[in-house]
Every structure is written in structure tokens, then in C-alpha cells.
Amino acid sequence: MDMKKGLNIAASKFLDYLESLSKPIRTRKELMNLAMISTNNHVEISELISDALIELGVTGIISIEPSPNGLNQLIVKH
């Protein structure tokens, strides 16, 4: 029980530390940079993800599926 309590305290302090380092994303360029990390620097997919996040908001859910015709497109479903 003491170990679990210690781990919970350490996790809480670590999350507080990460939060102190974070900064809000304010521009499309910053959002694009974040998407580039997630897509291993794939520009076209990063642009689609950025557009989806702008359209849906940061709490939106984005699904990526293979395209039968090989084209990349954004389909937004509210």
C-alpha cells in the first residue's frame, strides 16, 4: 500500500511538471508542427489532421482509414 501511494504521488508530481512545461497551441502552424510529429513528418497527412482538428476542435475524434482509391481526403462527420 505504501508503494502504491508513493507511485501515485510521484505520478501526480510528474504530471504537474509536464503541465508546467506545456503551452497552448495558438496558430495553425503550431498545430501543423504537432501533427508532423504524429505523422512522422508526412506533410499531406499532417495538413489533413490539422484541418480536422480546426474543424472538430481538440476534443474531436479523428480516424484514419486506408483509401480504396489511394487518395487522401478529409471527411468531417459531426
C-alpha atoms as a PDB file:
ATOM      1  CA  MET A   1       0.000   0.000   0.000  1.00  0.00           C
ATOM      2  CA  ASP A   2       2.859   2.420   0.761  1.00  0.00           C
ATOM      3  CA  MET A   3       4.435   1.719  -2.640  1.00  0.00           C
ATOM      4  CA  LYS A   4       1.149   2.454  -4.437  1.00  0.00           C
ATOM      5  CA  LYS A   5       0.772   5.696  -2.502  1.00  0.00           C
ATOM      6  CA  GLY A   6       4.338   6.682  -3.380  1.00  0.00           C
ATOM      7  CA  LEU A   7       3.780   5.900  -7.062  1.00  0.00           C
ATOM      8  CA  ASN A   8       0.589   7.970  -7.083  1.00  0.00           C
ATOM      9  CA  ILE A   9       2.404  10.927  -5.504  1.00  0.00           C
ATOM     10  CA  ALA A  10       5.292  10.627  -7.979  1.00  0.00           C
ATOM     11  CA  ALA A  11       2.889  10.383 -10.931  1.00  0.00           C
ATOM     12  CA  SER A  12       0.998  13.442  -9.737  1.00  0.00           C
ATOM     13  CA  LYS A  13       4.206  15.466  -9.365  1.00  0.00           C
ATOM     14  CA  PHE A  14       5.390  14.339 -12.801  1.00  0.00           C
ATOM     15  CA  LEU A  15       2.097  15.387 -14.420  1.00  0.00           C
ATOM     16  CA  ASP A  16       2.309  18.764 -12.676  1.00  0.00           C
ATOM     17  CA  TYR A  17       5.849  19.171 -14.035  1.00  0.00           C
ATOM     18  CA  LEU A  18       4.762  18.287 -17.583  1.00  0.00           C
ATOM     19  CA  GLU A  19       1.867  20.724 -17.320  1.00  0.00           C
ATOM     20  CA  SER A  20       4.272  23.487 -16.264  1.00  0.00           C
ATOM     21  CA  LEU A  21       6.254  22.879 -19.481  1.00  0.00           C
ATOM     22  CA  SER A  22       3.232  22.843 -21.766  1.00  0.00           C
ATOM     23  CA  LYS A  23       1.998  25.795 -23.761  1.00  0.00           C
ATOM     24  CA  PRO A  24      -1.246  26.256 -25.645  1.00  0.00           C
ATOM     25  CA  ILE A  25      -1.302  25.861 -29.413  1.00  0.00           C
ATOM     26  CA  ARG A  26      -2.434  29.174 -30.856  1.00  0.00           C
ATOM     27  CA  THR A  27      -1.732  29.045 -34.565  1.00  0.00           C
ATOM     28  CA  ARG A  28      -2.352  26.651 -37.438  1.00  0.00           C
ATOM     29  CA  LYS A  29       1.422  26.428 -37.897  1.00  0.00           C
ATOM     30  CA  GLU A  30       1.877  25.212 -34.301  1.00  0.00           C
ATOM     31  CA  LEU A  31      -0.916  22.693 -34.844  1.00  0.00           C
ATOM     32  CA  MET A  32       0.746  21.570 -38.058  1.00  0.00           C
ATOM     33  CA  ASN A  33       4.065  21.096 -36.218  1.00  0.00           C
ATOM     34  CA  LEU A  34       2.337  18.873 -33.671  1.00  0.00           C
ATOM     35  CA  ALA A  35       0.662  16.860 -36.427  1.00  0.00           C
ATOM     36  CA  MET A  36       4.028  16.472 -38.186  1.00  0.00           C
ATOM     37  CA  ILE A  37       5.383  14.728 -35.081  1.00  0.00           C
ATOM     38  CA  SER A  38       2.398  12.378 -35.044  1.00  0.00           C
ATOM     39  CA  THR A  39       2.715  11.521 -38.749  1.00  0.00           C
ATOM     40  CA  ASN A  40       6.485  11.082 -38.887  1.00  0.00           C
ATOM     41  CA  ASN A  41       6.857  14.297 -40.957  1.00  0.00           C
ATOM     42  CA  HIS A  42       4.254  13.385 -43.590  1.00  0.00           C
ATOM     43  CA  VAL A  43       3.168  16.836 -44.788  1.00  0.00           C
ATOM     44  CA  GLU A  44      -0.048  15.917 -46.600  1.00  0.00           C
ATOM     45  CA  ILE A  45      -1.440  13.808 -43.741  1.00  0.00           C
ATOM     46  CA  SER A  46      -0.365  16.483 -41.219  1.00  0.00           C
ATOM     47  CA  GLU A  47      -2.339  19.075 -43.150  1.00  0.00           C
ATOM     48  CA  LEU A  48      -5.420  16.846 -43.119  1.00  0.00           C
ATOM     49  CA  ILE A  49      -5.094  16.250 -39.373  1.00  0.00           C
ATOM     50  CA  SER A  50      -4.608  19.974 -38.725  1.00  0.00           C
ATOM     51  CA  ASP A  51      -7.690  20.795 -40.801  1.00  0.00           C
ATOM     52  CA  ALA A  52      -9.696  18.137 -38.960  1.00  0.00           C
ATOM     53  CA  LEU A  53      -8.657  19.494 -35.550  1.00  0.00           C
ATOM     54  CA  ILE A  54      -9.557  23.026 -36.612  1.00  0.00           C
ATOM     55  CA  GLU A  55     -12.946  21.809 -37.845  1.00  0.00           C
ATOM     56  CA  LEU A  56     -13.746  19.481 -34.917  1.00  0.00           C
ATOM     57  CA  GLY A  57     -11.854  21.093 -32.056  1.00  0.00           C
ATOM     58  CA  VAL A  58      -9.236  19.466 -29.863  1.00  0.00           C
ATOM     59  CA  THR A  59     -11.770  17.125 -28.274  1.00  0.00           C
ATOM     60  CA  GLY A  60     -12.849  15.722 -31.648  1.00  0.00           C
ATOM     61  CA  ILE A  61     -12.075  12.162 -32.655  1.00  0.00           C
ATOM     62  CA  ILE A  62     -10.042  11.591 -35.811  1.00  0.00           C
ATOM     63  CA  SER A  63      -9.992   8.214 -37.551  1.00  0.00           C
ATOM     64  CA  ILE A  64      -7.582   7.420 -40.346  1.00  0.00           C
ATOM     65  CA  GLU A  65      -8.561   4.680 -42.761  1.00  0.00           C
ATOM     66  CA  PRO A  66      -6.941   3.284 -45.894  1.00  0.00           C
ATOM     67  CA  SER A  67      -8.409   4.722 -49.051  1.00  0.00           C
ATOM     68  CA  PRO A  68      -9.559   2.292 -51.736  1.00  0.00           C
ATOM     69  CA  ASN A  69      -8.527   4.743 -54.460  1.00  0.00           C
ATOM     70  CA  GLY A  70      -5.226   5.843 -52.880  1.00  0.00           C
ATOM     71  CA  LEU A  71      -6.357   9.459 -52.444  1.00  0.00           C
ATOM     72  CA  ASN A  72      -6.038  11.385 -49.198  1.00  0.00           C
ATOM     73  CA  GLN A  73      -9.161  13.280 -48.210  1.00  0.00           C
ATOM     74  CA  LEU A  74     -10.796  14.772 -45.172  1.00  0.00           C
ATOM     75  CA  ILE A  75     -14.363  13.757 -44.411  1.00  0.00           C
ATOM     76  CA  VAL A  76     -15.795  15.534 -41.370  1.00  0.00           C
ATOM     77  CA  LYS A  77     -18.737  13.913 -39.574  1.00  0.00           C
ATOM     78  CA  HIS A  78     -20.265  15.904 -36.742  1.00  0.00           C
END
